[in-house]
N, C-alpha and C. Protein backbone atom coordinates (compact mmCIF):
# COMPACT_ATOMS: atom_id res chain seq x y z
N UNK A 1 44.82 -118.03 -24.51
CA UNK A 1 44.20 -118.81 -25.55
C UNK A 1 44.63 -120.26 -25.41
N UNK A 2 43.69 -121.12 -25.52
CA UNK A 2 44.01 -122.54 -25.48
C UNK A 2 43.49 -123.21 -26.74
N UNK A 3 44.17 -124.24 -27.13
CA UNK A 3 43.77 -124.94 -28.35
C UNK A 3 42.63 -125.88 -28.01
N UNK A 4 41.60 -125.84 -28.84
CA UNK A 4 40.43 -126.67 -28.64
C UNK A 4 40.09 -127.29 -29.99
N UNK A 5 40.58 -128.51 -30.21
CA UNK A 5 40.39 -129.15 -31.51
C UNK A 5 41.14 -128.38 -32.58
N UNK A 6 40.44 -127.98 -33.60
CA UNK A 6 41.05 -127.19 -34.67
C UNK A 6 40.97 -125.70 -34.39
N UNK A 7 40.22 -125.33 -33.41
CA UNK A 7 40.03 -123.91 -33.10
C UNK A 7 40.76 -123.55 -31.81
N UNK A 8 40.92 -122.26 -31.64
CA UNK A 8 41.47 -121.76 -30.40
C UNK A 8 40.34 -121.13 -29.59
N UNK A 9 40.36 -121.39 -28.32
CA UNK A 9 39.33 -120.86 -27.44
C UNK A 9 39.94 -119.71 -26.64
N UNK A 10 39.29 -118.57 -26.69
CA UNK A 10 39.76 -117.40 -25.94
C UNK A 10 39.28 -117.50 -24.49
N UNK A 11 40.20 -117.29 -23.59
CA UNK A 11 39.83 -117.24 -22.18
C UNK A 11 39.07 -115.97 -21.91
N UNK A 12 38.17 -116.00 -20.97
CA UNK A 12 37.39 -114.80 -20.67
C UNK A 12 38.27 -113.78 -19.94
N UNK A 13 38.05 -112.54 -20.27
CA UNK A 13 38.79 -111.46 -19.63
C UNK A 13 38.02 -111.07 -18.37
N UNK A 14 38.68 -111.11 -17.25
CA UNK A 14 38.00 -110.80 -15.99
C UNK A 14 38.50 -109.49 -15.43
N UNK A 15 37.64 -108.85 -14.69
CA UNK A 15 38.03 -107.61 -14.03
C UNK A 15 38.84 -107.97 -12.78
N UNK A 16 39.72 -107.07 -12.37
CA UNK A 16 40.44 -107.35 -11.13
C UNK A 16 39.46 -107.41 -9.96
N UNK A 17 39.79 -108.19 -8.97
CA UNK A 17 38.88 -108.34 -7.84
C UNK A 17 38.77 -107.04 -7.06
N UNK A 18 37.61 -106.83 -6.48
CA UNK A 18 37.37 -105.64 -5.69
C UNK A 18 38.16 -105.73 -4.39
N UNK A 19 38.64 -104.58 -3.93
CA UNK A 19 39.38 -104.55 -2.68
C UNK A 19 38.41 -104.85 -1.54
N UNK A 20 38.59 -105.98 -0.90
CA UNK A 20 37.65 -106.40 0.14
C UNK A 20 38.17 -106.12 1.55
N UNK A 21 39.24 -105.35 1.64
CA UNK A 21 39.78 -105.07 2.97
C UNK A 21 38.85 -104.12 3.74
N UNK A 22 38.85 -104.27 5.03
CA UNK A 22 38.04 -103.38 5.87
C UNK A 22 38.71 -102.02 5.96
N UNK A 23 37.97 -101.05 6.47
CA UNK A 23 38.53 -99.71 6.64
C UNK A 23 39.73 -99.73 7.57
N UNK A 24 39.68 -100.56 8.61
CA UNK A 24 40.79 -100.65 9.55
C UNK A 24 42.03 -101.22 8.87
N UNK A 25 41.84 -102.22 8.01
CA UNK A 25 42.98 -102.80 7.30
C UNK A 25 43.59 -101.80 6.32
N UNK A 26 42.74 -101.04 5.65
CA UNK A 26 43.25 -100.02 4.72
C UNK A 26 44.02 -98.95 5.48
N UNK A 27 43.49 -98.53 6.64
CA UNK A 27 44.16 -97.52 7.46
C UNK A 27 45.51 -98.04 7.95
N UNK A 28 45.56 -99.30 8.35
CA UNK A 28 46.82 -99.89 8.81
C UNK A 28 47.84 -99.91 7.69
N UNK A 29 47.40 -100.30 6.49
CA UNK A 29 48.32 -100.33 5.35
C UNK A 29 48.81 -98.94 5.01
N UNK A 30 47.91 -97.96 5.04
CA UNK A 30 48.30 -96.58 4.77
C UNK A 30 49.29 -96.08 5.81
N UNK A 31 49.04 -96.40 7.07
CA UNK A 31 49.97 -95.98 8.14
C UNK A 31 51.33 -96.62 7.93
N UNK A 32 51.36 -97.87 7.46
CA UNK A 32 52.63 -98.53 7.18
C UNK A 32 53.38 -97.85 6.06
N UNK A 33 52.67 -97.43 5.02
CA UNK A 33 53.31 -96.74 3.90
C UNK A 33 53.87 -95.40 4.37
N UNK A 34 53.08 -94.65 5.13
CA UNK A 34 53.55 -93.35 5.63
C UNK A 34 54.75 -93.55 6.56
N UNK A 35 54.72 -94.60 7.37
CA UNK A 35 55.86 -94.90 8.24
C UNK A 35 57.12 -95.16 7.43
N UNK A 36 56.98 -95.90 6.35
CA UNK A 36 58.14 -96.15 5.49
C UNK A 36 58.65 -94.86 4.85
N UNK A 37 57.73 -94.00 4.44
CA UNK A 37 58.14 -92.72 3.84
C UNK A 37 58.87 -91.85 4.86
N UNK A 38 58.36 -91.83 6.10
CA UNK A 38 59.03 -91.04 7.15
C UNK A 38 60.43 -91.59 7.41
N UNK A 39 60.56 -92.89 7.37
CA UNK A 39 61.86 -93.51 7.55
C UNK A 39 62.84 -93.05 6.47
N UNK A 40 62.31 -92.80 5.28
CA UNK A 40 63.14 -92.35 4.15
C UNK A 40 63.36 -90.85 4.17
N UNK A 41 62.79 -90.14 5.13
CA UNK A 41 63.03 -88.70 5.23
C UNK A 41 61.85 -87.83 4.86
N UNK A 42 60.72 -88.42 4.54
CA UNK A 42 59.53 -87.65 4.18
C UNK A 42 58.89 -87.09 5.44
N UNK A 43 58.62 -85.80 5.46
CA UNK A 43 57.93 -85.18 6.58
C UNK A 43 56.61 -84.62 6.08
N UNK A 44 55.49 -85.16 6.54
CA UNK A 44 54.20 -84.65 6.07
C UNK A 44 53.98 -83.22 6.55
N UNK A 45 53.51 -82.39 5.67
CA UNK A 45 53.21 -81.00 6.02
C UNK A 45 51.70 -80.84 6.11
N UNK A 46 51.23 -79.82 6.80
CA UNK A 46 49.78 -79.59 6.87
C UNK A 46 49.16 -79.39 5.48
N UNK A 47 49.91 -78.74 4.58
CA UNK A 47 49.39 -78.53 3.22
C UNK A 47 49.21 -79.85 2.49
N UNK A 48 50.19 -80.75 2.62
CA UNK A 48 50.11 -82.05 1.96
C UNK A 48 48.97 -82.87 2.55
N UNK A 49 48.82 -82.82 3.86
CA UNK A 49 47.73 -83.56 4.50
C UNK A 49 46.38 -83.03 4.04
N UNK A 50 46.27 -81.71 3.86
CA UNK A 50 45.02 -81.12 3.39
C UNK A 50 44.67 -81.62 1.98
N UNK A 51 45.69 -81.71 1.12
CA UNK A 51 45.45 -82.22 -0.23
C UNK A 51 45.01 -83.68 -0.17
N UNK A 52 45.66 -84.49 0.65
CA UNK A 52 45.28 -85.89 0.78
C UNK A 52 43.84 -86.03 1.28
N UNK A 53 43.46 -85.18 2.22
CA UNK A 53 42.09 -85.24 2.74
C UNK A 53 41.08 -84.82 1.69
N UNK A 54 41.43 -83.83 0.85
CA UNK A 54 40.53 -83.42 -0.23
C UNK A 54 40.32 -84.56 -1.22
N UNK A 55 41.38 -85.32 -1.50
CA UNK A 55 41.25 -86.48 -2.39
C UNK A 55 40.37 -87.53 -1.74
N UNK A 56 40.59 -87.79 -0.45
CA UNK A 56 39.80 -88.79 0.26
C UNK A 56 38.32 -88.44 0.28
N UNK A 57 38.01 -87.14 0.37
CA UNK A 57 36.60 -86.71 0.37
C UNK A 57 36.02 -86.64 -1.03
N UNK A 58 36.87 -86.76 -2.05
CA UNK A 58 36.39 -86.74 -3.43
C UNK A 58 36.25 -85.34 -4.00
N UNK A 59 36.83 -84.34 -3.33
CA UNK A 59 36.74 -82.96 -3.82
C UNK A 59 37.61 -82.74 -5.05
N UNK A 60 38.75 -83.43 -5.11
CA UNK A 60 39.64 -83.35 -6.26
C UNK A 60 40.04 -84.77 -6.66
N UNK A 61 40.47 -84.92 -7.90
CA UNK A 61 40.89 -86.24 -8.37
C UNK A 61 42.36 -86.48 -8.01
N UNK A 62 42.78 -87.71 -8.14
CA UNK A 62 44.16 -88.06 -7.87
C UNK A 62 45.09 -87.33 -8.83
N UNK A 63 44.68 -87.20 -10.10
CA UNK A 63 45.51 -86.50 -11.08
C UNK A 63 45.70 -85.04 -10.70
N UNK A 64 44.64 -84.41 -10.20
CA UNK A 64 44.76 -83.01 -9.76
C UNK A 64 45.70 -82.90 -8.55
N UNK A 65 45.63 -83.87 -7.65
CA UNK A 65 46.52 -83.86 -6.49
C UNK A 65 47.97 -84.01 -6.93
N UNK A 66 48.21 -84.91 -7.87
CA UNK A 66 49.58 -85.11 -8.37
C UNK A 66 50.09 -83.82 -8.99
N UNK A 67 49.22 -83.13 -9.75
CA UNK A 67 49.64 -81.86 -10.36
C UNK A 67 49.97 -80.83 -9.28
N UNK A 68 49.15 -80.77 -8.21
CA UNK A 68 49.44 -79.84 -7.11
C UNK A 68 50.79 -80.14 -6.47
N UNK A 69 51.04 -81.42 -6.19
CA UNK A 69 52.30 -81.80 -5.57
C UNK A 69 53.49 -81.52 -6.50
N UNK A 70 53.31 -81.79 -7.78
CA UNK A 70 54.39 -81.55 -8.74
C UNK A 70 54.71 -80.05 -8.84
N UNK A 71 53.65 -79.23 -8.92
CA UNK A 71 53.86 -77.78 -9.00
C UNK A 71 54.55 -77.25 -7.74
N UNK A 72 54.11 -77.76 -6.58
CA UNK A 72 54.72 -77.30 -5.34
C UNK A 72 56.18 -77.72 -5.25
N UNK A 73 56.49 -78.93 -5.71
CA UNK A 73 57.88 -79.41 -5.69
C UNK A 73 58.74 -78.56 -6.61
N UNK A 74 58.21 -78.21 -7.78
CA UNK A 74 58.98 -77.37 -8.71
C UNK A 74 59.23 -75.99 -8.11
N UNK A 75 58.21 -75.43 -7.44
CA UNK A 75 58.39 -74.12 -6.79
C UNK A 75 59.44 -74.20 -5.68
N UNK A 76 59.39 -75.26 -4.87
CA UNK A 76 60.37 -75.42 -3.79
C UNK A 76 61.77 -75.57 -4.36
N UNK A 77 61.89 -76.32 -5.45
CA UNK A 77 63.19 -76.52 -6.08
C UNK A 77 63.73 -75.20 -6.61
N UNK A 78 62.85 -74.41 -7.21
CA UNK A 78 63.27 -73.10 -7.74
C UNK A 78 63.75 -72.19 -6.61
N UNK A 79 63.00 -72.20 -5.49
CA UNK A 79 63.38 -71.37 -4.35
C UNK A 79 64.72 -71.82 -3.77
N UNK A 80 64.91 -73.12 -3.61
CA UNK A 80 66.17 -73.62 -3.06
C UNK A 80 67.34 -73.31 -3.98
N UNK A 81 67.12 -73.45 -5.27
CA UNK A 81 68.18 -73.15 -6.23
C UNK A 81 68.53 -71.67 -6.18
N UNK A 82 67.52 -70.81 -6.07
CA UNK A 82 67.76 -69.37 -6.01
C UNK A 82 68.51 -69.00 -4.73
N UNK A 83 68.20 -69.65 -3.62
CA UNK A 83 68.90 -69.37 -2.36
C UNK A 83 70.35 -69.81 -2.40
N UNK A 84 70.61 -70.96 -3.03
CA UNK A 84 71.96 -71.50 -3.07
C UNK A 84 72.85 -70.82 -4.10
N UNK A 85 72.23 -70.11 -5.04
CA UNK A 85 73.00 -69.43 -6.08
C UNK A 85 73.60 -68.17 -5.49
N UNK A 86 74.86 -68.02 -5.62
CA UNK A 86 75.55 -66.84 -5.09
C UNK A 86 75.92 -65.92 -6.25
N UNK A 87 75.82 -64.63 -6.05
CA UNK A 87 76.21 -63.71 -7.14
C UNK A 87 77.72 -63.84 -7.40
N UNK A 88 78.07 -63.77 -8.67
CA UNK A 88 79.49 -63.87 -9.02
C UNK A 88 80.21 -62.58 -8.63
N UNK A 89 81.44 -62.76 -8.18
CA UNK A 89 82.25 -61.60 -7.78
C UNK A 89 83.00 -61.06 -8.98
N UNK A 90 83.12 -59.76 -9.03
CA UNK A 90 83.82 -59.15 -10.17
C UNK A 90 85.30 -59.11 -9.94
């Protein structure tokens, strides 16, 4: 808002600009992100790649993909916890 005489003038609200990058630039950026994740210890699995491809094709939404990943992570955590838990000795 800017002052204009005795009144205040509201600035127009604009939409964010459209992503104008080419497909090659988007792919390069995505490859850079995946490279950083691999550096941090992330290993892509065929199941995860399948989910990413389903999102890219528009078969499922991003929110559904996040739910799938979250559920799978919880299941893996439960399995790892169960394996590491040792029965108590009497």
